[in-house]
Amino acid sequence: MPFRKLRSLKEAEDALWLDRDDPRLPDAIRELWDMSSRLAPCYFPPGVYKFRSLEEKRRFDEAQRRANVEAQQRRLRARRNV
């Protein structure tokens, strides 16, 4: 990995960004998605769902969000207890 001397925090922040034409961008996005799925995996139930109303859909989405948050909290607690 190349070494780059940075003289300020602003230079360091700017060095993190890639232009949309940069050929390294797809790999950087893939690495970010892989890392996030390992750190905080989310479960989405398979299948197609029909809802009678928008409110019913919102309740379903909220229940799924809550289930994912609770699963993440259980993983964190288990990691702390190890």
C-alpha atoms as a PDB file:
ATOM      1  CA  MET A   1       0.000   0.000   0.000  1.00  0.00           C
ATOM      2  CA  PRO A   2       1.479   3.360  -0.962  1.00  0.00           C
ATOM      3  CA  PHE A   3       2.441   5.845   1.738  1.00  0.00           C
ATOM      4  CA  ARG A   4       1.092   9.369   1.477  1.00  0.00           C
ATOM      5  CA  LYS A   5       2.109  12.239   3.748  1.00  0.00           C
ATOM      6  CA  LEU A   6      -0.839  14.394   4.832  1.00  0.00           C
ATOM      7  CA  ARG A   7      -0.337  17.810   6.344  1.00  0.00           C
ATOM      8  CA  SER A   8      -3.813  18.461   7.727  1.00  0.00           C
ATOM      9  CA  LEU A   9      -7.019  16.770   8.757  1.00  0.00           C
ATOM     10  CA  LYS A  10      -8.698  18.314   5.701  1.00  0.00           C
ATOM     11  CA  GLU A  11      -6.179  16.570   3.427  1.00  0.00           C
ATOM     12  CA  ALA A  12      -6.865  13.293   5.231  1.00  0.00           C
ATOM     13  CA  GLU A  13     -10.623  13.657   4.778  1.00  0.00           C
ATOM     14  CA  ASP A  14     -10.216  14.525   1.099  1.00  0.00           C
ATOM     15  CA  ALA A  15      -7.965  11.485   0.577  1.00  0.00           C
ATOM     16  CA  LEU A  16     -10.799   9.174   1.629  1.00  0.00           C
ATOM     17  CA  TRP A  17     -13.098  10.186  -1.229  1.00  0.00           C
ATOM     18  CA  LEU A  18     -12.956   8.614  -4.669  1.00  0.00           C
ATOM     19  CA  ASP A  19     -14.257  10.261  -7.840  1.00  0.00           C
ATOM     20  CA  ARG A  20     -17.144   8.530  -9.535  1.00  0.00           C
ATOM     21  CA  ASP A  21     -14.858   7.794 -12.514  1.00  0.00           C
ATOM     22  CA  ASP A  22     -12.179   6.186 -10.326  1.00  0.00           C
ATOM     23  CA  PRO A  23     -11.772   2.500 -11.288  1.00  0.00           C
ATOM     24  CA  ARG A  24     -11.215   1.622  -7.603  1.00  0.00           C
ATOM     25  CA  LEU A  25     -14.720   2.800  -6.649  1.00  0.00           C
ATOM     26  CA  PRO A  26     -16.612  -0.479  -7.313  1.00  0.00           C
ATOM     27  CA  ASP A  27     -14.087  -2.426  -5.232  1.00  0.00           C
ATOM     28  CA  ALA A  28     -14.324   0.119  -2.404  1.00  0.00           C
ATOM     29  CA  ILE A  29     -18.135  -0.109  -2.429  1.00  0.00           C
ATOM     30  CA  ARG A  30     -17.992  -3.930  -2.475  1.00  0.00           C
ATOM     31  CA  GLU A  31     -15.582  -3.958   0.492  1.00  0.00           C
ATOM     32  CA  LEU A  32     -17.814  -1.552   2.428  1.00  0.00           C
ATOM     33  CA  TRP A  33     -20.927  -3.665   1.787  1.00  0.00           C
ATOM     34  CA  ASP A  34     -19.086  -6.865   2.733  1.00  0.00           C
ATOM     35  CA  MET A  35     -17.830  -5.335   5.971  1.00  0.00           C
ATOM     36  CA  SER A  36     -21.239  -3.914   6.892  1.00  0.00           C
ATOM     37  CA  SER A  37     -22.979  -7.230   6.222  1.00  0.00           C
ATOM     38  CA  ARG A  38     -20.466  -8.990   8.491  1.00  0.00           C
ATOM     39  CA  LEU A  39     -20.732  -6.378  11.256  1.00  0.00           C
ATOM     40  CA  ALA A  40     -24.500  -5.868  11.174  1.00  0.00           C
ATOM     41  CA  PRO A  41     -26.261  -8.474   9.053  1.00  0.00           C
ATOM     42  CA  CYS A  42     -29.938  -7.862   8.392  1.00  0.00           C
ATOM     43  CA  TYR A  43     -32.565 -10.501   7.789  1.00  0.00           C
ATOM     44  CA  PHE A  44     -35.254  -9.917   5.199  1.00  0.00           C
ATOM     45  CA  PRO A  45     -37.970 -12.586   5.047  1.00  0.00           C
ATOM     46  CA  PRO A  46     -38.170 -14.238   1.627  1.00  0.00           C
ATOM     47  CA  GLY A  47     -41.233 -14.003  -0.528  1.00  0.00           C
ATOM     48  CA  VAL A  48     -43.702 -11.456  -1.788  1.00  0.00           C
ATOM     49  CA  TYR A  49     -46.148  -9.850   0.633  1.00  0.00           C
ATOM     50  CA  LYS A  50     -49.466  -8.205  -0.049  1.00  0.00           C
ATOM     51  CA  PHE A  51     -50.826  -5.596   2.323  1.00  0.00           C
ATOM     52  CA  ARG A  52     -54.361  -4.325   2.666  1.00  0.00           C
ATOM     53  CA  SER A  53     -53.193  -0.829   3.526  1.00  0.00           C
ATOM     54  CA  LEU A  54     -50.136   1.366   3.768  1.00  0.00           C
ATOM     55  CA  GLU A  55     -50.457   1.283   7.556  1.00  0.00           C
ATOM     56  CA  GLU A  56     -50.262  -2.544   7.545  1.00  0.00           C
ATOM     57  CA  LYS A  57     -47.086  -2.299   5.409  1.00  0.00           C
ATOM     58  CA  ARG A  58     -45.587   0.215   7.832  1.00  0.00           C
ATOM     59  CA  ARG A  59     -46.317  -2.092  10.790  1.00  0.00           C
ATOM     60  CA  PHE A  60     -44.650  -4.974   8.943  1.00  0.00           C
ATOM     61  CA  ASP A  61     -41.578  -2.844   8.125  1.00  0.00           C
ATOM     62  CA  GLU A  62     -41.344  -1.625  11.729  1.00  0.00           C
ATOM     63  CA  ALA A  63     -41.557  -5.196  13.054  1.00  0.00           C
ATOM     64  CA  GLN A  64     -38.757  -6.246  10.682  1.00  0.00           C
ATOM     65  CA  ARG A  65     -36.628  -3.256  11.681  1.00  0.00           C
ATOM     66  CA  ARG A  66     -37.197  -4.015  15.364  1.00  0.00           C
ATOM     67  CA  ALA A  67     -36.280  -7.692  14.848  1.00  0.00           C
ATOM     68  CA  ASN A  68     -33.029  -6.710  13.105  1.00  0.00           C
ATOM     69  CA  VAL A  69     -32.124  -4.226  15.855  1.00  0.00           C
ATOM     70  CA  GLU A  70     -32.824  -6.791  18.581  1.00  0.00           C
ATOM     71  CA  ALA A  71     -30.725  -9.411  16.772  1.00  0.00           C
ATOM     72  CA  GLN A  72     -27.856  -6.921  16.508  1.00  0.00           C
ATOM     73  CA  GLN A  73     -28.143  -6.103  20.229  1.00  0.00           C
ATOM     74  CA  ARG A  74     -28.041  -9.841  21.090  1.00  0.00           C
ATOM     75  CA  ARG A  75     -24.891 -10.255  18.970  1.00  0.00           C
ATOM     76  CA  LEU A  76     -23.250  -7.299  20.719  1.00  0.00           C
ATOM     77  CA  ARG A  77     -24.159  -8.619  24.190  1.00  0.00           C
ATOM     78  CA  ALA A  78     -22.829 -12.067  23.287  1.00  0.00           C
ATOM     79  CA  ARG A  79     -19.581 -10.524  22.030  1.00  0.00           C
ATOM     80  CA  ARG A  80     -19.159  -8.566  25.302  1.00  0.00           C
ATOM     81  CA  ASN A  81     -19.732 -11.700  27.392  1.00  0.00           C
ATOM     82  CA  VAL A  82     -16.973 -13.641  25.606  1.00  0.00           C
END
